[in-house]
Amino acid sequence: MKKFLIIVGVAFIFLTGCATKEYVKEQTDPINQKLDRIEKQLENMTKDISSLKSDIKAVSSNVESVNLTAKEALKKSEEAVRESKAAVIQAQDAARKAQAAAETSKKAFELQQKK
């Protein structure tokens, strides 16, 4: 009798405890479908990231170009400032000489008038 109960118990476990292929398929299909959707999303995100990396490289290149242009413009403006300062000094010197010449001319004119 004990042997019979053990055999029936083991048979019961095997018959009820084992899942059928169809049951497993029913349980795993939604998971597989979700995994497929996630894989497609991941693939799309990977493509988007690659595209963004390319865009970033292009923007970086443009920034470097603008930076170079700005540096060149700064050098030119600094040179122009130096040249304008030199011109101001020359103009001030010329104004002083003109003032001195005007004073000399005025004195000469006054002396001429007295004679």
PDB file of N, CA and C in Angstrom:
ATOM      1  N   MET A   1       0.812  -1.186   0.000  1.00  0.00           N
ATOM      2  CA  MET A   1       0.000   0.000   0.000  1.00  0.00           C
ATOM      3  C   MET A   1       0.858   1.254   0.000  1.00  0.00           C
ATOM      4  N   LYS A   2       1.905   1.229   0.808  1.00  0.00           N
ATOM      5  CA  LYS A   2       2.788   2.385   0.850  1.00  0.00           C
ATOM      6  C   LYS A   2       3.414   2.623  -0.517  1.00  0.00           C
ATOM      7  N   LYS A   3       3.783   1.540  -1.139  1.00  0.00           N
ATOM      8  CA  LYS A   3       4.383   1.640  -2.447  1.00  0.00           C
ATOM      9  C   LYS A   3       3.396   2.257  -3.443  1.00  0.00           C
ATOM     10  N   PHE A   4       2.162   1.845  -3.351  1.00  0.00           N
ATOM     11  CA  PHE A   4       1.115   2.357  -4.232  1.00  0.00           C
ATOM     12  C   PHE A   4       0.914   3.858  -4.011  1.00  0.00           C
ATOM     13  N   LEU A   5       0.869   4.286  -2.770  1.00  0.00           N
ATOM     14  CA  LEU A   5       0.699   5.704  -2.461  1.00  0.00           C
ATOM     15  C   LEU A   5       1.892   6.532  -2.951  1.00  0.00           C
ATOM     16  N   ILE A   6       3.076   6.004  -2.821  1.00  0.00           N
ATOM     17  CA  ILE A   6       4.267   6.712  -3.292  1.00  0.00           C
ATOM     18  C   ILE A   6       4.219   6.845  -4.807  1.00  0.00           C
ATOM     19  N   ILE A   7       3.845   5.776  -5.485  1.00  0.00           N
ATOM     20  CA  ILE A   7       3.757   5.811  -6.953  1.00  0.00           C
ATOM     21  C   ILE A   7       2.679   6.787  -7.390  1.00  0.00           C
ATOM     22  N   VAL A   8       1.515   6.749  -6.739  1.00  0.00           N
ATOM     23  CA  VAL A   8       0.427   7.669  -7.085  1.00  0.00           C
ATOM     24  C   VAL A   8       0.866   9.109  -6.799  1.00  0.00           C
ATOM     25  N   GLY A   9       1.545   9.332  -5.687  1.00  0.00           N
ATOM     26  CA  GLY A   9       2.028  10.689  -5.342  1.00  0.00           C
ATOM     27  C   GLY A   9       3.017  11.221  -6.362  1.00  0.00           C
ATOM     28  N   VAL A  10       3.959  10.379  -6.736  1.00  0.00           N
ATOM     29  CA  VAL A  10       4.960  10.788  -7.728  1.00  0.00           C
ATOM     30  C   VAL A  10       4.283  11.048  -9.068  1.00  0.00           C
ATOM     31  N   ALA A  11       3.349  10.177  -9.473  1.00  0.00           N
ATOM     32  CA  ALA A  11       2.622  10.363 -10.728  1.00  0.00           C
ATOM     33  C   ALA A  11       1.817  11.649 -10.693  1.00  0.00           C
ATOM     34  N   PHE A  12       1.201  11.941  -9.571  1.00  0.00           N
ATOM     35  CA  PHE A  12       0.409  13.173  -9.420  1.00  0.00           C
ATOM     36  C   PHE A  12       1.295  14.416  -9.586  1.00  0.00           C
ATOM     37  N   ILE A  13       2.462  14.364  -8.964  1.00  0.00           N
ATOM     38  CA  ILE A  13       3.398  15.496  -9.065  1.00  0.00           C
ATOM     39  C   ILE A  13       3.821  15.687 -10.517  1.00  0.00           C
ATOM     40  N   PHE A  14       4.153  14.585 -11.188  1.00  0.00           N
ATOM     41  CA  PHE A  14       4.590  14.704 -12.579  1.00  0.00           C
ATOM     42  C   PHE A  14       3.468  15.157 -13.492  1.00  0.00           C
ATOM     43  N   LEU A  15       2.269  14.662 -13.257  1.00  0.00           N
ATOM     44  CA  LEU A  15       1.155  15.012 -14.134  1.00  0.00           C
ATOM     45  C   LEU A  15       0.661  16.432 -13.903  1.00  0.00           C
ATOM     46  N   THR A  16       0.629  16.883 -12.684  1.00  0.00           N
ATOM     47  CA  THR A  16       0.093  18.228 -12.412  1.00  0.00           C
ATOM     48  C   THR A  16       1.179  19.275 -12.313  1.00  0.00           C
ATOM     49  N   GLY A  17       2.369  18.909 -11.951  1.00  0.00           N
ATOM     50  CA  GLY A  17       3.441  19.869 -11.731  1.00  0.00           C
ATOM     51  C   GLY A  17       4.141  20.291 -13.004  1.00  0.00           C
ATOM     52  N   CYS A  18       4.032  19.556 -14.049  1.00  0.00           N
ATOM     53  CA  CYS A  18       4.709  19.877 -15.295  1.00  0.00           C
ATOM     54  C   CYS A  18       3.805  20.751 -16.148  1.00  0.00           C
ATOM     55  N   ALA A  19       4.378  21.784 -16.696  1.00  0.00           N
ATOM     56  CA  ALA A  19       3.622  22.678 -17.560  1.00  0.00           C
ATOM     57  C   ALA A  19       3.698  22.164 -18.990  1.00  0.00           C
ATOM     58  N   THR A  20       2.627  22.356 -19.701  1.00  0.00           N
ATOM     59  CA  THR A  20       2.618  21.940 -21.099  1.00  0.00           C
ATOM     60  C   THR A  20       3.316  23.008 -21.932  1.00  0.00           C
ATOM     61  N   LYS A  21       3.720  22.602 -23.115  1.00  0.00           N
ATOM     62  CA  LYS A  21       4.371  23.546 -24.019  1.00  0.00           C
ATOM     63  C   LYS A  21       3.442  24.705 -24.348  1.00  0.00           C
ATOM     64  N   GLU A  22       2.176  24.419 -24.534  1.00  0.00           N
ATOM     65  CA  GLU A  22       1.202  25.459 -24.871  1.00  0.00           C
ATOM     66  C   GLU A  22       1.048  26.460 -23.724  1.00  0.00           C
ATOM     67  N   TYR A  23       1.013  25.955 -22.510  1.00  0.00           N
ATOM     68  CA  TYR A  23       0.884  26.831 -21.346  1.00  0.00           C
ATOM     69  C   TYR A  23       2.113  27.743 -21.233  1.00  0.00           C
ATOM     70  N   VAL A  24       3.275  27.169 -21.407  1.00  0.00           N
ATOM     71  CA  VAL A  24       4.511  27.952 -21.334  1.00  0.00           C
ATOM     72  C   VAL A  24       4.516  29.000 -22.435  1.00  0.00           C
ATOM     73  N   LYS A  25       4.078  28.602 -23.630  1.00  0.00           N
ATOM     74  CA  LYS A  25       4.024  29.542 -24.752  1.00  0.00           C
ATOM     75  C   LYS A  25       3.053  30.677 -24.441  1.00  0.00           C
ATOM     76  N   GLU A  26       1.905  30.372 -23.894  1.00  0.00           N
ATOM     77  CA  GLU A  26       0.922  31.396 -23.541  1.00  0.00           C
ATOM     78  C   GLU A  26       1.491  32.365 -22.504  1.00  0.00           C
ATOM     79  N   GLN A  27       2.272  31.862 -21.592  1.00  0.00           N
ATOM     80  CA  GLN A  27       2.835  32.699 -20.537  1.00  0.00           C
ATOM     81  C   GLN A  27       4.020  33.539 -21.020  1.00  0.00           C
ATOM     82  N   THR A  28       4.789  32.995 -21.932  1.00  0.00           N
ATOM     83  CA  THR A  28       5.998  33.697 -22.366  1.00  0.00           C
ATOM     84  C   THR A  28       5.790  34.579 -23.595  1.00  0.00           C
ATOM     85  N   ASP A  29       4.731  34.364 -24.381  1.00  0.00           N
ATOM     86  CA  ASP A  29       4.493  35.188 -25.572  1.00  0.00           C
ATOM     87  C   ASP A  29       4.383  36.678 -25.241  1.00  0.00           C
ATOM     88  N   PRO A  30       3.586  37.086 -24.248  1.00  0.00           N
ATOM     89  CA  PRO A  30       3.526  38.524 -23.941  1.00  0.00           C
ATOM     90  C   PRO A  30       4.887  39.087 -23.534  1.00  0.00           C
ATOM     91  N   ILE A  31       5.661  38.288 -22.814  1.00  0.00           N
ATOM     92  CA  ILE A  31       6.995  38.748 -22.405  1.00  0.00           C
ATOM     93  C   ILE A  31       7.886  38.897 -23.627  1.00  0.00           C
ATOM     94  N   ASN A  32       7.828  37.923 -24.536  1.00  0.00           N
ATOM     95  CA  ASN A  32       8.640  37.994 -25.754  1.00  0.00           C
ATOM     96  C   ASN A  32       8.233  39.182 -26.626  1.00  0.00           C
ATOM     97  N   GLN A  33       6.926  39.426 -26.706  1.00  0.00           N
ATOM     98  CA  GLN A  33       6.451  40.567 -27.485  1.00  0.00           C
ATOM     99  C   GLN A  33       6.951  41.880 -26.888  1.00  0.00           C
ATOM    100  N   LYS A  34       6.900  41.984 -25.579  1.00  0.00           N
ATOM    101  CA  LYS A  34       7.381  43.189 -24.915  1.00  0.00           C
ATOM    102  C   LYS A  34       8.883  43.351 -25.130  1.00  0.00           C
ATOM    103  N   LEU A  35       9.622  42.247 -25.045  1.00  0.00           N
ATOM    104  CA  LEU A  35      11.058  42.294 -25.303  1.00  0.00           C
ATOM    105  C   LEU A  35      11.342  42.751 -26.731  1.00  0.00           C
ATOM    106  N   ASP A  36      10.550  42.281 -27.690  1.00  0.00           N
ATOM    107  CA  ASP A  36      10.726  42.710 -29.084  1.00  0.00           C
ATOM    108  C   ASP A  36      10.513  44.216 -29.207  1.00  0.00           C
ATOM    109  N   ARG A  37       9.461  44.740 -28.559  1.00  0.00           N
ATOM    110  CA  ARG A  37       9.197  46.186 -28.600  1.00  0.00           C
ATOM    111  C   ARG A  37      10.349  46.964 -27.965  1.00  0.00           C
ATOM    112  N   ILE A  38      10.851  46.465 -26.854  1.00  0.00           N
ATOM    113  CA  ILE A  38      11.956  47.135 -26.169  1.00  0.00           C
ATOM    114  C   ILE A  38      13.214  47.109 -27.041  1.00  0.00           C
ATOM    115  N   GLU A  39      13.464  45.987 -27.710  1.00  0.00           N
ATOM    116  CA  GLU A  39      14.624  45.892 -28.596  1.00  0.00           C
ATOM    117  C   GLU A  39      14.511  46.890 -29.745  1.00  0.00           C
ATOM    118  N   LYS A  40      13.300  47.040 -30.308  1.00  0.00           N
ATOM    119  CA  LYS A  40      13.097  48.015 -31.385  1.00  0.00           C
ATOM    120  C   LYS A  40      13.301  49.433 -30.874  1.00  0.00           C
ATOM    121  N   GLN A  41      12.790  49.717 -29.679  1.00  0.00           N
ATOM    122  CA  GLN A  41      12.985  51.041 -29.093  1.00  0.00           C
ATOM    123  C   GLN A  41      14.469  51.309 -28.849  1.00  0.00           C
ATOM    124  N   LEU A  42      15.166  50.310 -28.347  1.00  0.00           N
ATOM    125  CA  LEU A  42      16.595  50.447 -28.104  1.00  0.00           C
ATOM    126  C   LEU A  42      17.344  50.693 -29.410  1.00  0.00           C
ATOM    127  N   GLU A  43      16.959  49.978 -30.443  1.00  0.00           N
ATOM    128  CA  GLU A  43      17.579  50.169 -31.756  1.00  0.00           C
ATOM    129  C   GLU A  43      17.342  51.592 -32.259  1.00  0.00           C
ATOM    130  N   ASN A  44      16.100  52.085 -32.122  1.00  0.00           N
ATOM    131  CA  ASN A  44      15.793  53.454 -32.536  1.00  0.00           C
ATOM    132  C   ASN A  44      16.570  54.472 -31.708  1.00  0.00           C
ATOM    133  N   MET A  45      16.674  54.223 -30.418  1.00  0.00           N
ATOM    134  CA  MET A  45      17.423  55.141 -29.559  1.00  0.00           C
ATOM    135  C   MET A  45      18.899  55.157 -29.931  1.00  0.00           C
ATOM    136  N   THR A  46      19.423  53.998 -30.277  1.00  0.00           N
ATOM    137  CA  THR A  46      20.829  53.914 -30.693  1.00  0.00           C
ATOM    138  C   THR A  46      21.045  54.722 -31.968  1.00  0.00           C
ATOM    139  N   LYS A  47      20.109  54.628 -32.905  1.00  0.00           N
ATOM    140  CA  LYS A  47      20.206  55.420 -34.138  1.00  0.00           C
ATOM    141  C   LYS A  47      20.116  56.914 -33.818  1.00  0.00           C
ATOM    142  N   ASP A  48      19.196  57.275 -32.928  1.00  0.00           N
ATOM    143  CA  ASP A  48      19.057  58.680 -32.536  1.00  0.00           C
ATOM    144  C   ASP A  48      20.330  59.203 -31.876  1.00  0.00           C
ATOM    145  N   ILE A  49      20.924  58.394 -31.024  1.00  0.00           N
ATOM    146  CA  ILE A  49      22.161  58.798 -30.352  1.00  0.00           C
ATOM    147  C   ILE A  49      23.275  58.993 -31.375  1.00  0.00           C
ATOM    148  N   SER A  50      23.365  58.101 -32.346  1.00  0.00           N
ATOM    149  CA  SER A  50      24.380  58.247 -33.394  1.00  0.00           C
ATOM    150  C   SER A  50      24.162  59.534 -34.176  1.00  0.00           C
ATOM    151  N   SER A  51      22.911  59.815 -34.484  1.00  0.00           N
ATOM    152  CA  SER A  51      22.588  61.044 -35.203  1.00  0.00           C
ATOM    153  C   SER A  51      22.944  62.271 -34.370  1.00  0.00           C
ATOM    154  N   LEU A  52      22.638  62.215 -33.083  1.00  0.00           N
ATOM    155  CA  LEU A  52      22.969  63.337 -32.198  1.00  0.00           C
ATOM    156  C   LEU A  52      24.480  63.524 -32.085  1.00  0.00           C
ATOM    157  N   LYS A  53      25.215  62.432 -32.028  1.00  0.00           N
ATOM    158  CA  LYS A  53      26.674  62.539 -31.973  1.00  0.00           C
ATOM    159  C   LYS A  53      27.196  63.229 -33.225  1.00  0.00           C
ATOM    160  N   SER A  54      26.629  62.877 -34.362  1.00  0.00           N
ATOM    161  CA  SER A  54      27.036  63.504 -35.614  1.00  0.00           C
ATOM    162  C   SER A  54      26.711  64.996 -35.600  1.00  0.00           C
ATOM    163  N   ASP A  55      25.516  65.328 -35.112  1.00  0.00           N
ATOM    164  CA  ASP A  55      25.124  66.737 -35.013  1.00  0.00           C
ATOM    165  C   ASP A  55      26.051  67.503 -34.070  1.00  0.00           C
ATOM    166  N   ILE A  56      26.410  66.877 -32.965  1.00  0.00           N
ATOM    167  CA  ILE A  56      27.296  67.521 -31.994  1.00  0.00           C
ATOM    168  C   ILE A  56      28.660  67.783 -32.620  1.00  0.00           C
ATOM    169  N   LYS A  57      29.154  66.828 -33.399  1.00  0.00           N
ATOM    170  CA  LYS A  57      30.442  67.024 -34.065  1.00  0.00           C
ATOM    171  C   LYS A  57      30.369  68.194 -35.037  1.00  0.00           C
ATOM    172  N   ALA A  58      29.258  68.293 -35.776  1.00  0.00           N
ATOM    173  CA  ALA A  58      29.098  69.387 -36.728  1.00  0.00           C
ATOM    174  C   ALA A  58      29.037  70.728 -36.004  1.00  0.00           C
ATOM    175  N   VAL A  59      28.285  70.780 -34.920  1.00  0.00           N
ATOM    176  CA  VAL A  59      28.178  72.022 -34.148  1.00  0.00           C
ATOM    177  C   VAL A  59      29.536  72.386 -33.554  1.00  0.00           C
ATOM    178  N   SER A  60      30.250  71.392 -33.056  1.00  0.00           N
ATOM    179  CA  SER A  60      31.573  71.632 -32.475  1.00  0.00           C
ATOM    180  C   SER A  60      32.516  72.205 -33.525  1.00  0.00           C
ATOM    181  N   SER A  61      32.447  71.661 -34.717  1.00  0.00           N
ATOM    182  CA  SER A  61      33.275  72.170 -35.808  1.00  0.00           C
ATOM    183  C   SER A  61      32.922  73.615 -36.125  1.00  0.00           C
ATOM    184  N   ASN A  62      31.613  73.910 -36.164  1.00  0.00           N
ATOM    185  CA  ASN A  62      31.174  75.285 -36.429  1.00  0.00           C
ATOM    186  C   ASN A  62      31.626  76.225 -35.325  1.00  0.00           C
ATOM    187  N   VAL A  63      31.567  75.775 -34.093  1.00  0.00           N
ATOM    188  CA  VAL A  63      31.997  76.604 -32.966  1.00  0.00           C
ATOM    189  C   VAL A  63      33.489  76.902 -33.080  1.00  0.00           C
ATOM    190  N   GLU A  64      34.263  75.899 -33.440  1.00  0.00           N
ATOM    191  CA  GLU A  64      35.697  76.113 -33.609  1.00  0.00           C
ATOM    192  C   GLU A  64      35.970  77.125 -34.714  1.00  0.00           C
ATOM    193  N   SER A  65      35.221  77.038 -35.793  1.00  0.00           N
ATOM    194  CA  SER A  65      35.374  77.982 -36.898  1.00  0.00           C
ATOM    195  C   SER A  65      35.024  79.393 -36.450  1.00  0.00           C
ATOM    196  N   VAL A  66      33.914  79.532 -35.733  1.00  0.00           N
ATOM    197  CA  VAL A  66      33.506  80.849 -35.227  1.00  0.00           C
ATOM    198  C   VAL A  66      34.536  81.380 -34.238  1.00  0.00           C
ATOM    199  N   ASN A  67      35.076  80.506 -33.414  1.00  0.00           N
ATOM    200  CA  ASN A  67      36.086  80.904 -32.438  1.00  0.00           C
ATOM    201  C   ASN A  67      37.326  81.446 -33.148  1.00  0.00           C
ATOM    202  N   LEU A  68      37.753  80.755 -34.208  1.00  0.00           N
ATOM    203  CA  LEU A  68      38.902  81.229 -34.985  1.00  0.00           C
ATOM    204  C   LEU A  68      38.623  82.593 -35.596  1.00  0.00           C
ATOM    205  N   THR A  69      37.443  82.743 -36.164  1.00  0.00           N
ATOM    206  CA  THR A  69      37.066  84.019 -36.777  1.00  0.00           C
ATOM    207  C   THR A  69      37.043  85.128 -35.732  1.00  0.00           C
ATOM    208  N   ALA A  70      36.519  84.822 -34.556  1.00  0.00           N
ATOM    209  CA  ALA A  70      36.461  85.815 -33.484  1.00  0.00           C
ATOM    210  C   ALA A  70      37.866  86.211 -33.036  1.00  0.00           C
ATOM    211  N   LYS A  71      38.770  85.231 -32.941  1.00  0.00           N
ATOM    212  CA  LYS A  71      40.150  85.544 -32.552  1.00  0.00           C
ATOM    213  C   LYS A  71      40.816  86.451 -33.589  1.00  0.00           C
ATOM    214  N   GLU A  72      40.574  86.137 -34.863  1.00  0.00           N
ATOM    215  CA  GLU A  72      41.149  86.973 -35.927  1.00  0.00           C
ATOM    216  C   GLU A  72      40.572  88.390 -35.861  1.00  0.00           C
ATOM    217  N   ALA A  73      39.278  88.497 -35.622  1.00  0.00           N
ATOM    218  CA  ALA A  73      38.646  89.812 -35.524  1.00  0.00           C
ATOM    219  C   ALA A  73      39.195  90.582 -34.327  1.00  0.00           C
ATOM    220  N   LEU A  74      39.422  89.888 -33.228  1.00  0.00           N
ATOM    221  CA  LEU A  74      39.985  90.531 -32.040  1.00  0.00           C
ATOM    222  C   LEU A  74      41.376  91.070 -32.325  1.00  0.00           C
ATOM    223  N   LYS A  75      42.206  90.261 -33.008  1.00  0.00           N
ATOM    224  CA  LYS A  75      43.556  90.729 -33.357  1.00  0.00           C
ATOM    225  C   LYS A  75      43.495  91.967 -34.236  1.00  0.00           C
ATOM    226  N   LYS A  76      42.600  91.952 -35.211  1.00  0.00           N
ATOM    227  CA  LYS A  76      42.476  93.105 -36.113  1.00  0.00           C
ATOM    228  C   LYS A  76      41.993  94.341 -35.356  1.00  0.00           C
ATOM    229  N   SER A  77      41.038  94.140 -34.453  1.00  0.00           N
ATOM    230  CA  SER A  77      40.532  95.290 -33.700  1.00  0.00           C
ATOM    231  C   SER A  77      41.593  95.827 -32.750  1.00  0.00           C
ATOM    232  N   GLU A  78      42.397  94.953 -32.147  1.00  0.00           N
ATOM    233  CA  GLU A  78      43.479  95.405 -31.277  1.00  0.00           C
ATOM    234  C   GLU A  78      44.509  96.198 -32.080  1.00  0.00           C
ATOM    235  N   GLU A  79      44.806  95.740 -33.276  1.00  0.00           N
ATOM    236  CA  GLU A  79      45.735  96.466 -34.152  1.00  0.00           C
ATOM    237  C   GLU A  79      45.148  97.827 -34.534  1.00  0.00           C
ATOM    238  N   ALA A  80      43.861  97.844 -34.824  1.00  0.00           N
ATOM    239  CA  ALA A  80      43.207  99.109 -35.174  1.00  0.00           C
ATOM    240  C   ALA A  80      43.237 100.077 -33.993  1.00  0.00           C
ATOM    241  N   VAL A  81      43.059  99.560 -32.795  1.00  0.00           N
ATOM    242  CA  VAL A  81      43.124 100.412 -31.601  1.00  0.00           C
ATOM    243  C   VAL A  81      44.534 100.994 -31.456  1.00  0.00           C
ATOM    244  N   ARG A  82      45.560 100.158 -31.639  1.00  0.00           N
ATOM    245  CA  ARG A  82      46.940 100.644 -31.549  1.00  0.00           C
ATOM    246  C   ARG A  82      47.196 101.731 -32.597  1.00  0.00           C
ATOM    247  N   GLU A  83      46.725 101.483 -33.813  1.00  0.00           N
ATOM    248  CA  GLU A  83      46.920 102.462 -34.881  1.00  0.00           C
ATOM    249  C   GLU A  83      46.174 103.765 -34.588  1.00  0.00           C
ATOM    250  N   SER A  84      44.959 103.647 -34.044  1.00  0.00           N
ATOM    251  CA  SER A  84      44.196 104.866 -33.742  1.00  0.00           C
ATOM    252  C   SER A  84      44.832 105.643 -32.594  1.00  0.00           C
ATOM    253  N   LYS A  85      45.411 104.925 -31.620  1.00  0.00           N
ATOM    254  CA  LYS A  85      46.113 105.628 -30.530  1.00  0.00           C
ATOM    255  C   LYS A  85      47.319 106.375 -31.083  1.00  0.00           C
ATOM    256  N   ALA A  86      48.029 105.731 -31.991  1.00  0.00           N
ATOM    257  CA  ALA A  86      49.179 106.387 -32.610  1.00  0.00           C
ATOM    258  C   ALA A  86      48.723 107.611 -33.407  1.00  0.00           C
ATOM    259  N   ALA A  87      47.601 107.495 -34.095  1.00  0.00           N
ATOM    260  CA  ALA A  87      47.067 108.621 -34.868  1.00  0.00           C
ATOM    261  C   ALA A  87      46.645 109.761 -33.943  1.00  0.00           C
ATOM    262  N   VAL A  88      46.073 109.424 -32.788  1.00  0.00           N
ATOM    263  CA  VAL A  88      45.669 110.446 -31.819  1.00  0.00           C
ATOM    264  C   VAL A  88      46.897 111.187 -31.322  1.00  0.00           C
ATOM    265  N   ILE A  89      47.962 110.454 -31.017  1.00  0.00           N
ATOM    266  CA  ILE A  89      49.195 111.083 -30.544  1.00  0.00           C
ATOM    267  C   ILE A  89      49.755 112.013 -31.622  1.00  0.00           C
ATOM    268  N   GLN A  90      49.745 111.553 -32.871  1.00  0.00           N
ATOM    269  CA  GLN A  90      50.236 112.386 -33.976  1.00  0.00           C
ATOM    270  C   GLN A  90      49.362 113.627 -34.136  1.00  0.00           C
ATOM    271  N   ALA A  91      48.039 113.442 -34.010  1.00  0.00           N
ATOM    272  CA  ALA A  91      47.126 114.581 -34.156  1.00  0.00           C
ATOM    273  C   ALA A  91      47.339 115.581 -33.022  1.00  0.00           C
ATOM    274  N   GLN A  92      47.540 115.092 -31.813  1.00  0.00           N
ATOM    275  CA  GLN A  92      47.786 115.999 -30.687  1.00  0.00           C
ATOM    276  C   GLN A  92      49.098 116.752 -30.884  1.00  0.00           C
ATOM    277  N   ASP A  93      50.115 116.045 -31.370  1.00  0.00           N
ATOM    278  CA  ASP A  93      51.403 116.691 -31.633  1.00  0.00           C
ATOM    279  C   ASP A  93      51.250 117.748 -32.721  1.00  0.00           C
ATOM    280  N   ALA A  94      50.499 117.404 -33.762  1.00  0.00           N
ATOM    281  CA  ALA A  94      50.268 118.368 -34.844  1.00  0.00           C
ATOM    282  C   ALA A  94      49.472 119.563 -34.328  1.00  0.00           C
ATOM    283  N   ALA A  95      48.519 119.333 -33.449  1.00  0.00           N
ATOM    284  CA  ALA A  95      47.721 120.429 -32.878  1.00  0.00           C
ATOM    285  C   ALA A  95      48.612 121.337 -32.032  1.00  0.00           C
ATOM    286  N   ARG A  96      49.517 120.749 -31.249  1.00  0.00           N
ATOM    287  CA  ARG A  96      50.431 121.570 -30.442  1.00  0.00           C
ATOM    288  C   ARG A  96      51.328 122.414 -31.351  1.00  0.00           C
ATOM    289  N   LYS A  97      51.839 121.784 -32.415  1.00  0.00           N
ATOM    290  CA  LYS A  97      52.701 122.530 -33.344  1.00  0.00           C
ATOM    291  C   LYS A  97      51.910 123.643 -34.036  1.00  0.00           C
ATOM    292  N   ALA A  98      50.659 123.339 -34.388  1.00  0.00           N
ATOM    293  CA  ALA A  98      49.825 124.353 -35.037  1.00  0.00           C
ATOM    294  C   ALA A  98      49.539 125.490 -34.074  1.00  0.00           C
ATOM    295  N   GLN A  99      49.290 125.156 -32.814  1.00  0.00           N
ATOM    296  CA  GLN A  99      49.033 126.191 -31.799  1.00  0.00           C
ATOM    297  C   GLN A  99      50.273 127.052 -31.619  1.00  0.00           C
ATOM    298  N   ALA A 100      51.438 126.398 -31.561  1.00  0.00           N
ATOM    299  CA  ALA A 100      52.685 127.155 -31.409  1.00  0.00           C
ATOM    300  C   ALA A 100      52.912 128.049 -32.624  1.00  0.00           C
ATOM    301  N   ALA A 101      52.625 127.496 -33.802  1.00  0.00           N
ATOM    302  CA  ALA A 101      52.788 128.291 -35.025  1.00  0.00           C
ATOM    303  C   ALA A 101      51.807 129.445 -35.048  1.00  0.00           C
ATOM    304  N   ALA A 102      50.606 129.218 -34.561  1.00  0.00           N
ATOM    305  CA  ALA A 102      49.600 130.287 -34.520  1.00  0.00           C
ATOM    306  C   ALA A 102      50.047 131.378 -33.560  1.00  0.00           C
ATOM    307  N   GLU A 103      50.586 130.988 -32.428  1.00  0.00           N
ATOM    308  CA  GLU A 103      51.056 131.987 -31.463  1.00  0.00           C
ATOM    309  C   GLU A 103      52.228 132.775 -32.049  1.00  0.00           C
ATOM    310  N   THR A 104      53.133 132.068 -32.724  1.00  0.00           N
ATOM    311  CA  THR A 104      54.262 132.739 -33.355  1.00  0.00           C
ATOM    312  C   THR A 104      53.776 133.710 -34.426  1.00  0.00           C
ATOM    313  N   SER A 105      52.802 133.253 -35.213  1.00  0.00           N
ATOM    314  CA  SER A 105      52.253 134.114 -36.262  1.00  0.00           C
ATOM    315  C   SER A 105      51.569 135.328 -35.656  1.00  0.00           C
ATOM    316  N   LYS A 106      50.863 135.125 -34.550  1.00  0.00           N
ATOM    317  CA  LYS A 106      50.159 136.223 -33.888  1.00  0.00           C
ATOM    318  C   LYS A 106      51.169 137.242 -33.376  1.00  0.00           C
ATOM    319  N   LYS A 107      52.263 136.772 -32.783  1.00  0.00           N
ATOM    320  CA  LYS A 107      53.290 137.677 -32.271  1.00  0.00           C
ATOM    321  C   LYS A 107      53.950 138.428 -33.424  1.00  0.00           C
ATOM    322  N   ALA A 108      54.202 137.694 -34.515  1.00  0.00           N
ATOM    323  CA  ALA A 108      54.811 138.330 -35.674  1.00  0.00           C
ATOM    324  C   ALA A 108      53.874 139.375 -36.247  1.00  0.00           C
ATOM    325  N   PHE A 109      52.596 139.062 -36.282  1.00  0.00           N
ATOM    326  CA  PHE A 109      51.611 140.012 -36.803  1.00  0.00           C
ATOM    327  C   PHE A 109      51.545 141.252 -35.912  1.00  0.00           C
ATOM    328  N   GLU A 110      51.562 141.034 -34.597  1.00  0.00           N
ATOM    329  CA  GLU A 110      51.503 142.145 -33.654  1.00  0.00           C
ATOM    330  C   GLU A 110      52.746 143.024 -33.792  1.00  0.00           C
ATOM    331  N   LEU A 111      53.911 142.397 -33.959  1.00  0.00           N
ATOM    332  CA  LEU A 111      55.132 143.175 -34.151  1.00  0.00           C
ATOM    333  C   LEU A 111      55.084 143.949 -35.466  1.00  0.00           C
ATOM    334  N   GLN A 112      54.519 143.356 -36.467  1.00  0.00           N
ATOM    335  CA  GLN A 112      54.397 144.009 -37.771  1.00  0.00           C
ATOM    336  C   GLN A 112      53.462 145.209 -37.666  1.00  0.00           C
ATOM    337  N   GLN A 113      52.399 145.045 -36.852  1.00  0.00           N
ATOM    338  CA  GLN A 113      51.423 146.118 -36.679  1.00  0.00           C
ATOM    339  C   GLN A 113      52.032 147.305 -35.917  1.00  0.00           C
ATOM    340  N   LYS A 114      52.924 147.026 -35.019  1.00  0.00           N
ATOM    341  CA  LYS A 114      53.549 148.084 -34.219  1.00  0.00           C
ATOM    342  C   LYS A 114      54.512 148.897 -35.054  1.00  0.00           C
ATOM    343  N   LYS A 115      55.075 148.361 -36.054  1.00  0.00           N
ATOM    344  CA  LYS A 115      56.049 149.077 -36.860  1.00  0.00           C
ATOM    345  C   LYS A 115      55.400 150.019 -37.750  1.00  0.00           C
TER     346      LYS A 115
END
